[in-house]
N, C-alpha and C. Protein backbone atom coordinates (compact mmCIF):
# COMPACT_ATOMS: atom_id res chain seq x y z
N MET A 1 21.27 17.31 1.62
CA MET A 1 20.39 16.38 2.21
C MET A 1 21.25 15.51 3.10
N THR A 2 20.89 15.46 4.38
CA THR A 2 21.61 14.60 5.31
C THR A 2 20.59 13.81 6.11
N SER A 3 21.06 12.76 6.69
CA SER A 3 20.21 11.96 7.57
C SER A 3 20.99 11.55 8.80
N LEU A 4 20.33 11.38 9.86
CA LEU A 4 20.90 10.95 11.10
C LEU A 4 20.90 9.43 11.17
N LYS A 5 22.08 8.81 11.22
CA LYS A 5 22.20 7.38 11.18
C LYS A 5 22.83 6.91 12.50
N THR A 6 22.06 6.93 13.54
CA THR A 6 22.52 6.39 14.80
C THR A 6 21.76 5.18 15.17
N THR A 7 22.26 4.44 16.13
CA THR A 7 21.53 3.27 16.60
C THR A 7 20.22 3.64 17.17
N PHE A 8 20.17 4.77 17.89
CA PHE A 8 18.91 5.23 18.48
C PHE A 8 17.91 5.56 17.41
N ALA A 9 18.34 6.27 16.41
CA ALA A 9 17.41 6.67 15.30
C ALA A 9 16.92 5.43 14.55
N ALA A 10 17.81 4.51 14.31
CA ALA A 10 17.39 3.31 13.59
C ALA A 10 16.38 2.48 14.43
N ARG A 11 16.62 2.36 15.75
CA ARG A 11 15.72 1.62 16.61
C ARG A 11 14.38 2.33 16.72
N SER A 12 14.39 3.66 16.81
CA SER A 12 13.17 4.47 16.90
C SER A 12 12.38 4.33 15.61
N ALA A 13 13.05 4.40 14.50
CA ALA A 13 12.35 4.27 13.17
C ALA A 13 11.71 2.92 13.02
N LYS A 14 12.45 1.86 13.50
CA LYS A 14 11.84 0.52 13.40
C LYS A 14 10.63 0.40 14.27
N THR A 15 10.67 0.95 15.45
CA THR A 15 9.51 0.91 16.37
C THR A 15 8.33 1.66 15.72
N LEU A 16 8.58 2.78 15.12
CA LEU A 16 7.50 3.57 14.44
C LEU A 16 6.95 2.77 13.25
N ARG A 17 7.77 2.00 12.54
CA ARG A 17 7.27 1.20 11.40
C ARG A 17 6.37 0.09 11.92
N VAL A 18 6.72 -0.52 13.02
CA VAL A 18 5.96 -1.61 13.57
C VAL A 18 4.61 -1.12 14.05
N ASN A 19 4.59 0.10 14.63
CA ASN A 19 3.41 0.71 15.22
C ASN A 19 2.75 1.74 14.29
N SER A 20 2.68 1.47 13.03
CA SER A 20 2.11 2.42 12.05
C SER A 20 0.62 2.63 12.27
N THR A 21 0.19 3.81 11.92
CA THR A 21 -1.25 4.12 12.00
C THR A 21 -1.94 3.51 10.76
N ASP A 22 -3.27 3.47 10.79
CA ASP A 22 -4.02 2.97 9.62
C ASP A 22 -3.68 3.78 8.38
N ALA A 23 -3.61 5.09 8.50
CA ALA A 23 -3.32 5.98 7.36
C ALA A 23 -1.92 5.66 6.80
N GLU A 24 -0.96 5.47 7.69
CA GLU A 24 0.42 5.19 7.25
C GLU A 24 0.45 3.83 6.51
N ARG A 25 -0.22 2.84 7.02
CA ARG A 25 -0.26 1.55 6.36
C ARG A 25 -0.92 1.63 5.00
N LYS A 26 -2.00 2.39 4.88
CA LYS A 26 -2.71 2.52 3.63
C LYS A 26 -1.82 3.24 2.57
N LEU A 27 -1.22 4.36 2.99
CA LEU A 27 -0.36 5.06 2.06
C LEU A 27 0.84 4.28 1.66
N TRP A 28 1.42 3.59 2.61
CA TRP A 28 2.62 2.76 2.33
C TRP A 28 2.28 1.68 1.33
N SER A 29 1.11 1.10 1.44
CA SER A 29 0.73 0.01 0.50
C SER A 29 0.71 0.54 -0.96
N ARG A 30 0.55 1.87 -1.14
CA ARG A 30 0.48 2.44 -2.48
C ARG A 30 1.76 3.14 -2.89
N LEU A 31 2.68 3.35 -1.95
CA LEU A 31 3.99 3.96 -2.26
C LEU A 31 5.11 2.94 -2.42
N ARG A 32 5.02 1.83 -1.73
CA ARG A 32 6.15 0.85 -1.71
C ARG A 32 6.41 0.30 -3.09
N ALA A 33 7.58 -0.22 -3.29
CA ALA A 33 7.98 -0.95 -4.51
C ALA A 33 7.84 -0.07 -5.76
N ARG A 34 8.13 1.21 -5.63
CA ARG A 34 8.13 2.15 -6.77
C ARG A 34 6.80 2.20 -7.53
N GLN A 35 5.69 2.09 -6.79
CA GLN A 35 4.39 2.09 -7.43
C GLN A 35 3.95 3.47 -7.90
N LEU A 36 4.51 4.50 -7.30
CA LEU A 36 4.08 5.88 -7.64
C LEU A 36 5.08 6.46 -8.64
N VAL A 37 4.78 6.47 -9.90
CA VAL A 37 5.57 6.95 -11.03
C VAL A 37 7.05 6.56 -10.94
N GLY A 38 7.28 5.38 -10.43
CA GLY A 38 8.63 4.82 -10.41
C GLY A 38 9.58 5.33 -9.34
N HIS A 39 9.08 6.15 -8.43
CA HIS A 39 9.93 6.70 -7.38
C HIS A 39 9.97 5.79 -6.15
N LYS A 40 11.14 5.67 -5.57
CA LYS A 40 11.34 4.84 -4.40
C LYS A 40 11.11 5.67 -3.12
N PHE A 41 10.24 5.17 -2.31
CA PHE A 41 9.91 5.76 -1.00
C PHE A 41 10.42 4.89 0.12
N VAL A 42 10.79 5.47 1.20
CA VAL A 42 11.15 4.71 2.46
C VAL A 42 10.24 5.23 3.56
N ARG A 43 10.02 4.38 4.58
CA ARG A 43 9.25 4.72 5.74
C ARG A 43 10.12 5.10 6.91
N GLN A 44 9.57 5.96 7.73
CA GLN A 44 10.25 6.37 9.00
C GLN A 44 11.72 6.64 8.80
N HIS A 45 12.01 7.61 7.98
CA HIS A 45 13.37 7.97 7.56
C HIS A 45 13.96 9.01 8.53
N PRO A 46 15.05 8.69 9.24
CA PRO A 46 15.66 9.69 10.16
C PRO A 46 16.30 10.82 9.35
N VAL A 47 15.92 12.03 9.76
CA VAL A 47 16.48 13.25 9.14
C VAL A 47 16.76 14.24 10.27
N GLY A 48 18.03 14.56 10.52
CA GLY A 48 18.36 15.44 11.65
C GLY A 48 17.77 14.85 12.89
N PRO A 49 17.14 15.67 13.74
CA PRO A 49 16.59 15.16 14.99
C PRO A 49 15.24 14.55 14.84
N TYR A 50 14.71 14.50 13.63
CA TYR A 50 13.31 13.97 13.37
C TYR A 50 13.36 12.70 12.59
N ILE A 51 12.19 12.00 12.61
CA ILE A 51 12.00 10.83 11.80
C ILE A 51 10.77 11.12 10.92
N ALA A 52 11.03 11.22 9.63
CA ALA A 52 9.95 11.53 8.66
C ALA A 52 9.10 10.31 8.40
N ASP A 53 7.81 10.55 8.22
CA ASP A 53 6.87 9.42 7.96
C ASP A 53 7.28 8.66 6.70
N PHE A 54 7.44 9.40 5.60
CA PHE A 54 7.84 8.83 4.31
C PHE A 54 8.81 9.79 3.65
N ALA A 55 9.79 9.20 2.93
CA ALA A 55 10.73 10.08 2.17
C ALA A 55 11.01 9.46 0.84
N CYS A 56 11.06 10.30 -0.16
CA CYS A 56 11.56 9.95 -1.47
C CYS A 56 12.90 10.65 -1.59
N ARG A 57 13.97 9.93 -1.36
CA ARG A 57 15.30 10.57 -1.27
C ARG A 57 15.74 11.09 -2.63
N GLU A 58 15.35 10.38 -3.73
CA GLU A 58 15.81 10.81 -5.04
C GLU A 58 15.16 12.11 -5.44
N ALA A 59 13.99 12.43 -4.90
CA ALA A 59 13.31 13.70 -5.28
C ALA A 59 13.37 14.71 -4.07
N ASP A 60 14.08 14.35 -3.00
CA ASP A 60 14.18 15.21 -1.81
C ASP A 60 12.85 15.64 -1.34
N LEU A 61 11.86 14.67 -1.21
CA LEU A 61 10.54 14.97 -0.81
C LEU A 61 10.19 14.14 0.42
N ILE A 62 9.63 14.81 1.41
CA ILE A 62 9.12 14.14 2.60
C ILE A 62 7.63 14.25 2.64
N VAL A 63 6.96 13.16 2.98
CA VAL A 63 5.50 13.15 3.17
C VAL A 63 5.22 12.90 4.61
N GLU A 64 4.47 13.83 5.24
CA GLU A 64 4.10 13.72 6.59
C GLU A 64 2.59 13.52 6.71
N LEU A 65 2.21 12.61 7.56
CA LEU A 65 0.77 12.38 7.82
C LEU A 65 0.44 12.94 9.21
N ASP A 66 -0.63 13.74 9.29
CA ASP A 66 -0.94 14.39 10.56
C ASP A 66 -2.37 14.03 11.01
N GLY A 67 -2.48 13.76 12.29
CA GLY A 67 -3.78 13.52 12.90
C GLY A 67 -4.24 14.86 13.44
N GLY A 68 -5.40 14.82 14.14
CA GLY A 68 -6.03 16.05 14.69
C GLY A 68 -5.11 16.80 15.69
N GLN A 69 -4.17 16.14 16.31
CA GLN A 69 -3.35 16.79 17.30
C GLN A 69 -2.39 17.77 16.66
N HIS A 70 -2.27 17.74 15.34
CA HIS A 70 -1.30 18.60 14.63
C HIS A 70 -1.91 19.90 14.10
N SER A 71 -3.20 20.15 14.36
CA SER A 71 -3.85 21.29 13.82
C SER A 71 -3.18 22.60 14.23
N GLN A 72 -2.68 23.33 13.27
CA GLN A 72 -2.02 24.63 13.49
C GLN A 72 -0.91 24.53 14.53
N SER A 73 -0.08 23.54 14.41
CA SER A 73 0.96 23.27 15.35
C SER A 73 2.22 24.05 15.02
N ALA A 74 2.73 24.87 15.92
CA ALA A 74 4.00 25.56 15.80
C ALA A 74 5.15 24.56 15.73
N ARG A 75 5.02 23.47 16.41
CA ARG A 75 6.08 22.43 16.40
C ARG A 75 6.20 21.83 14.98
N ASP A 76 5.09 21.67 14.24
CA ASP A 76 5.13 21.16 12.88
C ASP A 76 5.85 22.19 11.97
N ASP A 77 5.62 23.48 12.21
CA ASP A 77 6.32 24.48 11.38
C ASP A 77 7.83 24.44 11.63
N GLN A 78 8.21 24.29 12.87
CA GLN A 78 9.64 24.16 13.23
C GLN A 78 10.23 22.89 12.59
N ARG A 79 9.50 21.84 12.65
CA ARG A 79 9.94 20.54 12.06
C ARG A 79 10.13 20.71 10.57
N THR A 80 9.16 21.35 9.93
CA THR A 80 9.26 21.59 8.46
C THR A 80 10.53 22.44 8.15
N GLN A 81 10.81 23.42 8.94
CA GLN A 81 11.98 24.26 8.68
C GLN A 81 13.26 23.46 8.81
N VAL A 82 13.33 22.59 9.79
CA VAL A 82 14.52 21.76 10.00
C VAL A 82 14.69 20.81 8.81
N LEU A 83 13.60 20.16 8.39
CA LEU A 83 13.62 19.24 7.29
C LEU A 83 14.04 19.92 6.02
N ALA A 84 13.54 21.14 5.84
CA ALA A 84 13.91 21.99 4.65
C ALA A 84 15.40 22.35 4.72
N ALA A 85 15.90 22.59 5.89
CA ALA A 85 17.36 22.92 6.05
C ALA A 85 18.20 21.72 5.62
N HIS A 86 17.65 20.50 5.71
CA HIS A 86 18.36 19.27 5.30
C HIS A 86 18.16 19.00 3.80
N GLY A 87 17.47 19.91 3.11
CA GLY A 87 17.32 19.81 1.69
C GLY A 87 16.02 19.13 1.18
N TYR A 88 15.03 18.95 2.05
CA TYR A 88 13.80 18.31 1.71
C TYR A 88 12.66 19.31 1.57
N ALA A 89 11.77 19.03 0.64
CA ALA A 89 10.49 19.71 0.53
C ALA A 89 9.54 18.83 1.35
N VAL A 90 8.59 19.45 2.06
CA VAL A 90 7.67 18.64 2.91
C VAL A 90 6.28 18.87 2.44
N VAL A 91 5.53 17.73 2.27
CA VAL A 91 4.16 17.76 1.90
C VAL A 91 3.39 17.09 3.08
N ARG A 92 2.34 17.76 3.58
CA ARG A 92 1.57 17.25 4.69
C ARG A 92 0.16 16.90 4.24
N PHE A 93 -0.32 15.79 4.76
CA PHE A 93 -1.68 15.34 4.50
C PHE A 93 -2.34 14.99 5.85
N TRP A 94 -3.64 15.21 5.98
CA TRP A 94 -4.37 14.73 7.17
C TRP A 94 -4.57 13.22 7.02
N ASN A 95 -4.54 12.51 8.13
CA ASN A 95 -4.79 11.08 8.12
C ASN A 95 -6.15 10.81 7.45
N ASN A 96 -7.13 11.63 7.75
CA ASN A 96 -8.47 11.41 7.15
C ASN A 96 -8.45 11.48 5.67
N ASP A 97 -7.62 12.39 5.09
CA ASP A 97 -7.51 12.50 3.62
C ASP A 97 -6.93 11.19 3.04
N VAL A 98 -5.95 10.64 3.69
CA VAL A 98 -5.38 9.39 3.18
C VAL A 98 -6.44 8.26 3.26
N LEU A 99 -7.14 8.21 4.35
CA LEU A 99 -8.13 7.14 4.54
C LEU A 99 -9.34 7.23 3.65
N THR A 100 -9.76 8.46 3.28
CA THR A 100 -10.97 8.66 2.48
C THR A 100 -10.71 9.09 1.04
N ASN A 101 -9.54 9.54 0.74
CA ASN A 101 -9.27 10.06 -0.62
C ASN A 101 -7.84 9.71 -1.04
N ILE A 102 -7.50 8.45 -1.00
CA ILE A 102 -6.10 8.04 -1.31
C ILE A 102 -5.69 8.41 -2.74
N ASP A 103 -6.67 8.37 -3.66
CA ASP A 103 -6.35 8.68 -5.04
C ASP A 103 -5.99 10.17 -5.22
N GLY A 104 -6.69 11.02 -4.49
CA GLY A 104 -6.33 12.42 -4.47
C GLY A 104 -4.94 12.69 -3.91
N VAL A 105 -4.65 12.01 -2.82
CA VAL A 105 -3.34 12.19 -2.17
C VAL A 105 -2.25 11.74 -3.15
N LEU A 106 -2.43 10.58 -3.79
CA LEU A 106 -1.44 10.05 -4.73
C LEU A 106 -1.27 10.98 -5.95
N ALA A 107 -2.39 11.58 -6.41
CA ALA A 107 -2.29 12.52 -7.56
C ALA A 107 -1.46 13.78 -7.15
N THR A 108 -1.68 14.22 -5.94
CA THR A 108 -0.94 15.41 -5.48
C THR A 108 0.54 15.11 -5.39
N LEU A 109 0.84 13.90 -4.88
CA LEU A 109 2.26 13.47 -4.78
C LEU A 109 2.89 13.28 -6.12
N ALA A 110 2.17 12.68 -7.10
CA ALA A 110 2.65 12.50 -8.43
C ALA A 110 2.97 13.86 -9.08
N GLU A 111 2.12 14.82 -8.84
CA GLU A 111 2.34 16.15 -9.34
C GLU A 111 3.62 16.80 -8.81
N ARG A 112 3.81 16.61 -7.50
CA ARG A 112 5.02 17.17 -6.82
C ARG A 112 6.25 16.46 -7.35
N LEU A 113 6.17 15.16 -7.53
CA LEU A 113 7.34 14.38 -8.06
C LEU A 113 7.67 14.79 -9.50
N ALA A 114 6.68 15.13 -10.28
CA ALA A 114 6.92 15.55 -11.66
C ALA A 114 7.68 16.90 -11.67
N LYS A 115 7.49 17.73 -10.65
CA LYS A 115 8.17 19.00 -10.58
C LYS A 115 9.56 18.93 -9.91
N ALA A 116 9.83 17.77 -9.34
CA ALA A 116 11.13 17.61 -8.60
C ALA A 116 12.28 17.69 -9.60
N PRO A 117 13.37 18.32 -9.23
CA PRO A 117 14.50 18.38 -10.14
C PRO A 117 15.13 17.03 -10.39
N SER A 118 15.77 16.91 -11.53
CA SER A 118 16.49 15.71 -11.88
C SER A 118 17.54 15.40 -10.86
N PRO A 119 17.71 14.16 -10.45
CA PRO A 119 18.73 13.86 -9.45
C PRO A 119 20.12 14.34 -9.82
N GLY A 120 20.41 14.33 -11.13
CA GLY A 120 21.74 14.76 -11.56
C GLY A 120 21.93 16.29 -11.52
N LEU A 121 20.82 17.02 -11.52
CA LEU A 121 20.89 18.51 -11.54
C LEU A 121 20.65 19.14 -10.18
N ARG A 122 20.18 18.42 -9.20
CA ARG A 122 19.83 19.02 -7.91
C ARG A 122 21.08 19.69 -7.27
N PHE A 123 22.20 19.08 -7.36
CA PHE A 123 23.38 19.56 -6.66
C PHE A 123 24.37 20.19 -7.63
N ALA A 124 23.91 20.49 -8.86
CA ALA A 124 24.77 21.12 -9.86
C ALA A 124 25.08 22.58 -9.42
N LYS A 125 26.16 23.07 -9.84
CA LYS A 125 26.53 24.45 -9.52
C LYS A 125 25.52 25.38 -10.22
N PRO A 126 25.18 26.45 -9.56
CA PRO A 126 24.16 27.36 -10.18
C PRO A 126 24.57 28.03 -11.48
N ASP A 127 25.89 28.08 -11.73
CA ASP A 127 26.35 28.70 -13.00
C ASP A 127 26.50 27.69 -14.13
N LEU A 128 26.01 26.49 -13.94
CA LEU A 128 26.08 25.47 -14.92
C LEU A 128 25.23 25.87 -16.19
N SER A 129 25.89 25.89 -17.34
CA SER A 129 25.22 26.25 -18.57
C SER A 129 24.31 25.17 -19.03
N PRO A 130 23.04 25.51 -19.36
CA PRO A 130 22.12 24.49 -19.86
C PRO A 130 22.49 24.03 -21.27
N GLU A 131 23.32 24.85 -21.97
CA GLU A 131 23.74 24.50 -23.33
C GLU A 131 24.89 23.56 -23.38
N GLY A 132 25.54 23.30 -22.27
CA GLY A 132 26.73 22.44 -22.26
C GLY A 132 28.00 23.24 -22.53
N ARG A 133 28.99 22.62 -23.14
CA ARG A 133 30.25 23.24 -23.32
C ARG A 133 30.32 24.14 -24.56
N GLY A 134 29.36 24.12 -25.34
CA GLY A 134 29.37 25.03 -26.52
C GLY A 134 29.73 24.24 -27.79
N ALA A 135 29.99 25.05 -28.81
CA ALA A 135 30.21 24.47 -30.15
C ALA A 135 31.49 23.62 -30.28
N GLU A 136 32.51 23.95 -29.49
CA GLU A 136 33.75 23.18 -29.71
C GLU A 136 33.62 21.68 -29.37
N ASN A 137 32.67 21.31 -28.57
CA ASN A 137 32.51 19.89 -28.20
C ASN A 137 31.23 19.29 -28.71
N SER A 138 30.45 20.03 -29.46
CA SER A 138 29.16 19.44 -29.93
C SER A 138 29.37 18.48 -31.10
N CYS A 139 28.52 17.52 -31.16
CA CYS A 139 28.62 16.56 -32.23
C CYS A 139 28.41 17.14 -33.61
N ALA A 140 27.59 18.18 -33.73
CA ALA A 140 27.28 18.78 -34.99
C ALA A 140 28.47 19.53 -35.53
N SER A 141 29.29 20.14 -34.70
CA SER A 141 30.42 20.90 -35.22
C SER A 141 31.70 20.10 -35.33
N ALA A 142 31.72 18.95 -34.68
CA ALA A 142 32.95 18.12 -34.75
C ALA A 142 33.09 17.53 -36.19
N GLN A 143 34.35 17.69 -36.68
CA GLN A 143 34.59 17.14 -37.99
C GLN A 143 34.97 15.68 -37.85
N GLN A 144 34.33 14.87 -38.62
CA GLN A 144 34.63 13.46 -38.57
C GLN A 144 35.54 13.06 -39.71
N LYS A 145 36.51 12.24 -39.43
CA LYS A 145 37.38 11.75 -40.48
C LYS A 145 36.76 10.54 -41.14
N PRO A 146 36.92 10.45 -42.47
CA PRO A 146 36.37 9.26 -43.15
C PRO A 146 37.06 7.98 -42.67
N ILE A 147 36.35 6.94 -42.60
CA ILE A 147 36.90 5.68 -42.22
C ILE A 147 37.59 5.05 -43.42
N SER A 148 38.89 4.73 -43.27
CA SER A 148 39.63 4.15 -44.38
C SER A 148 39.95 2.73 -44.15
């Protein structure tokens, strides 16, 4: 997961935050301050050459809101591929869905967040054993000396 942190990106993100759509404002009012199952979201997060509408960095999840101009857009597919290359899963909602069914949108996001890998395991080596180091270091097999 990488993000582009340039002055231009920061300025562009700030401009986008100031000029939010009604749908973005409504969703942000329900995502901010860890309101959705305790996950922290940020708005207008620079990632590569793009600025994502919302991002939950701890779950590597990006939420994009689309208006009618995005219907079957090849550019959106390309954008999703670039964001995925930076380590993010992308969830898209229509602006109308956010405005008319915010609870459904939040339920979908909560479900995706529940499936997100633990932050400590996301970047673990693939050969990491789920059992740990084995019997030599387990508490059950360690012999304890009596306290004298």
